[in-house]
C-alpha atoms as a PDB file:
ATOM      1  CA  MET A   1       7.016  -6.822   9.201  1.00  0.00           C
ATOM      2  CA  LYS A   2       3.938  -8.236   8.419  1.00  0.00           C
ATOM      3  CA  SER A   3       2.493 -11.058   5.854  1.00  0.00           C
ATOM      4  CA  ILE A   4       1.583 -10.054   2.375  1.00  0.00           C
ATOM      5  CA  SER A   5      -1.593 -11.081   1.614  1.00  0.00           C
ATOM      6  CA  ASP A   6      -1.063 -11.259  -1.909  1.00  0.00           C
ATOM      7  CA  LYS A   7       0.815 -10.647  -4.132  1.00  0.00           C
ATOM      8  CA  ALA A   8       3.434  -7.614  -5.221  1.00  0.00           C
ATOM      9  CA  GLU A   9       5.181  -7.674  -8.586  1.00  0.00           C
ATOM     10  CA  VAL A  10       8.120  -4.633  -9.272  1.00  0.00           C
ATOM     11  CA  SER A  11      10.080  -3.544 -11.665  1.00  0.00           C
ATOM     12  CA  VAL A  12      12.576  -1.005 -11.929  1.00  0.00           C
ATOM     13  CA  ASP A  13      14.264   0.216 -15.877  1.00  0.00           C
ATOM     14  CA  PHE A  14      16.738   2.004 -16.786  1.00  0.00           C
ATOM     15  CA  PRO A  15      17.954   2.663 -20.302  1.00  0.00           C
ATOM     16  CA  ASP A  16      20.570  -0.667 -19.783  1.00  0.00           C
ATOM     17  CA  LYS A  17      18.817  -2.966 -18.232  1.00  0.00           C
ATOM     18  CA  THR A  18      15.948  -3.709 -16.186  1.00  0.00           C
ATOM     19  CA  TYR A  19      15.274  -4.909 -11.913  1.00  0.00           C
ATOM     20  CA  MET A  20      12.418  -7.359 -11.710  1.00  0.00           C
ATOM     21  CA  GLY A  21      10.684  -8.741  -8.416  1.00  0.00           C
ATOM     22  CA  SER A  22       7.778 -10.471  -7.015  1.00  0.00           C
ATOM     23  CA  PHE A  23       6.762 -10.067  -3.162  1.00  0.00           C
ATOM     24  CA  GLY A  24       4.299 -13.733  -2.986  1.00  0.00           C
ATOM     25  CA  ARG A  25       2.532 -14.933   0.435  1.00  0.00           C
ATOM     26  CA  GLU A  26       6.430 -15.809   2.245  1.00  0.00           C
ATOM     27  CA  SER A  27       6.976 -12.878   2.338  1.00  0.00           C
ATOM     28  CA  LEU A  28       6.301  -9.335   4.172  1.00  0.00           C
ATOM     29  CA  PHE A  29       5.907  -6.077   4.306  1.00  0.00           C
ATOM     30  CA  ASP A  30       6.257  -2.578   6.269  1.00  0.00           C
ATOM     31  CA  VAL A  31       5.163   0.441   6.429  1.00  0.00           C
ATOM     32  CA  LYS A  32       6.163   3.836   8.134  1.00  0.00           C
ATOM     33  CA  VAL A  33       4.638   7.162   8.154  1.00  0.00           C
ATOM     34  CA  GLU A  34       7.074   9.805   8.849  1.00  0.00           C
ATOM     35  CA  PRO A  35       6.090  13.874   9.168  1.00  0.00           C
ATOM     36  CA  ASP A  36       6.943  14.423   5.365  1.00  0.00           C
ATOM     37  CA  GLU A  37       5.946  10.434   3.719  1.00  0.00           C
ATOM     38  CA  VAL A  38       5.098   7.474   3.643  1.00  0.00           C
ATOM     39  CA  LEU A  39       7.904   4.272   3.628  1.00  0.00           C
ATOM     40  CA  LEU A  40       6.947   0.798   1.519  1.00  0.00           C
ATOM     41  CA  ARG A  41       9.189  -2.071   2.521  1.00  0.00           C
ATOM     42  CA  LEU A  42       8.576  -5.337   0.442  1.00  0.00           C
ATOM     43  CA  VAL A  43      10.993  -8.426   1.485  1.00  0.00           C
ATOM     44  CA  ARG A  44      11.345 -11.683   0.379  1.00  0.00           C
ATOM     45  CA  ALA A  45      13.952 -13.634   2.371  1.00  0.00           C
ATOM     46  CA  GLY A  46      15.073 -16.910   1.382  1.00  0.00           C
ATOM     47  CA  ASP A  47      17.767 -18.170  -1.265  1.00  0.00           C
ATOM     48  CA  GLU A  48      16.502 -15.394  -3.307  1.00  0.00           C
ATOM     49  CA  ARG A  49      16.972 -12.354  -1.039  1.00  0.00           C
ATOM     50  CA  ARG A  50      14.827  -8.668  -2.412  1.00  0.00           C
ATOM     51  CA  GLU A  51      14.318  -5.542  -1.290  1.00  0.00           C
ATOM     52  CA  ILE A  52      12.945  -3.070  -2.403  1.00  0.00           C
ATOM     53  CA  ALA A  53      11.701   0.733  -0.387  1.00  0.00           C
ATOM     54  CA  VAL A  54       9.647   3.206  -2.219  1.00  0.00           C
ATOM     55  CA  HIS A  55       9.316   6.018  -0.334  1.00  0.00           C
ATOM     56  CA  LEU A  56       5.820   8.560  -1.429  1.00  0.00           C
ATOM     57  CA  HIS A  57       4.999  11.808   0.082  1.00  0.00           C
ATOM     58  CA  TYR A  58       1.393  12.796   0.656  1.00  0.00           C
ATOM     59  CA  TYR A  59       0.514  14.766  -2.555  1.00  0.00           C
ATOM     60  CA  LEU A  60       1.586  12.168  -4.585  1.00  0.00           C
ATOM     61  CA  LEU A  61      -0.264   9.622  -2.303  1.00  0.00           C
ATOM     62  CA  ALA A  62      -3.212  11.475  -2.160  1.00  0.00           C
ATOM     63  CA  ASP A  63      -2.867  11.227  -6.193  1.00  0.00           C
ATOM     64  CA  ILE A  64      -2.363   8.160  -6.401  1.00  0.00           C
ATOM     65  CA  LEU A  65      -5.557   7.054  -4.602  1.00  0.00           C
ATOM     66  CA  LYS A  66      -7.353  10.298  -5.950  1.00  0.00           C
ATOM     67  CA  GLU A  67      -6.674   7.568  -9.601  1.00  0.00           C
ATOM     68  CA  ILE A  68      -6.903   3.748  -8.027  1.00  0.00           C
ATOM     69  CA  GLY A  69     -10.231   5.692  -6.859  1.00  0.00           C
ATOM     70  CA  ARG A  70     -11.354   6.795 -10.664  1.00  0.00           C
ATOM     71  CA  GLY A  71      -8.995   4.093 -12.166  1.00  0.00           C
ATOM     72  CA  LEU A  72     -11.751   1.624 -10.329  1.00  0.00           C
ATOM     73  CA  ALA A  73     -14.941   4.074 -10.449  1.00  0.00           C
ATOM     74  CA  GLY A  74     -14.664   2.847 -14.247  1.00  0.00           C
ATOM     75  CA  HIS A  75     -14.987  -1.490 -14.272  1.00  0.00           C
ATOM     76  CA  ASP A  76     -16.442  -3.618 -11.837  1.00  0.00           C
ATOM     77  CA  PHE A  77     -14.156  -6.419 -11.908  1.00  0.00           C
ATOM     78  CA  LEU A  78     -13.424  -6.846  -8.076  1.00  0.00           C
ATOM     79  CA  ASP A  79     -15.124  -9.110  -6.751  1.00  0.00           C
ATOM     80  CA  GLU A  80     -17.023  -8.735  -3.844  1.00  0.00           C
ATOM     81  CA  SER A  81     -13.551  -9.782  -1.243  1.00  0.00           C
ATOM     82  CA  HIS A  82     -11.673  -7.810  -2.612  1.00  0.00           C
ATOM     83  CA  ARG A  83     -13.688  -4.663  -2.892  1.00  0.00           C
ATOM     84  CA  ALA A  84     -14.472  -5.710   0.601  1.00  0.00           C
ATOM     85  CA  ALA A  85     -10.765  -5.462   2.278  1.00  0.00           C
ATOM     86  CA  LEU A  86     -10.005  -2.285  -0.185  1.00  0.00           C
ATOM     87  CA  SER A  87     -13.242  -1.147   1.411  1.00  0.00           C
ATOM     88  CA  ASP A  88     -11.423  -2.052   5.039  1.00  0.00           C
ATOM     89  CA  GLY A  89      -7.913   0.132   4.300  1.00  0.00           C
ATOM     90  CA  VAL A  90      -9.885   3.235   2.989  1.00  0.00           C
ATOM     91  CA  ALA A  91     -12.011   2.885   6.039  1.00  0.00           C
ATOM     92  CA  ALA A  92      -9.098   2.659   8.715  1.00  0.00           C
ATOM     93  CA  LEU A  93      -7.364   5.590   6.628  1.00  0.00           C
ATOM     94  CA  ALA A  94      -9.798   8.481   6.330  1.00  0.00           C
ATOM     95  CA  ALA A  95     -10.230   7.805  10.320  1.00  0.00           C
ATOM     96  CA  SER A  96      -6.574   8.759  10.490  1.00  0.00           C
ATOM     97  CA  LEU A  97      -7.488  11.974   8.822  1.00  0.00           C
ATOM     98  CA  LYS A  98      -9.902  13.060  10.579  1.00  0.00           C
ATOM     99  CA  GLY A  99      -7.759  13.736  13.642  1.00  0.00           C
ATOM    100  CA  PRO A 100      -7.029  12.925  16.999  1.00  0.00           C
ATOM    101  CA  ALA A 101     -10.127  14.447  18.686  1.00  0.00           C
ATOM    102  CA  ALA A 102     -12.248  12.714  16.258  1.00  0.00           C
ATOM    103  CA  ARG A 103     -10.539   9.597  16.509  1.00  0.00           C
ATOM    104  CA  LYS A 104     -11.911   9.274  20.860  1.00  0.00           C
ATOM    105  CA  PRO A 105     -14.258   7.510  21.474  1.00  0.00           C
ATOM    106  CA  ARG A 106     -17.414   9.771  23.094  1.00  0.00           C
ATOM    107  CA  LYS A 107     -17.617   9.391  26.765  1.00  0.00           C
ATOM    108  CA  THR A 108     -21.623   8.569  27.894  1.00  0.00           C
END
């Protein structure tokens, strides 16, 4: 598990009730990459313990990433720190998608 560097807020709405929770810097997250999906877990320990798990299949995850890109392209509200953090994350994802042969350092 890794520390959350910022925060996340989650809500699940059912017809007769709503569950809401927040996960801040005292919380942890974990990502597991599986053959068919990515599992994201957020865990808040302590007296107000809560945990969520989100399973995203790859086509849905790809659609979400595209929509984030489209949304950000239409706005200029990200500061340089957030932009750099997102850029680093996207670069790591892009590098991993090139496959094992492309990631191996070349011998000189």
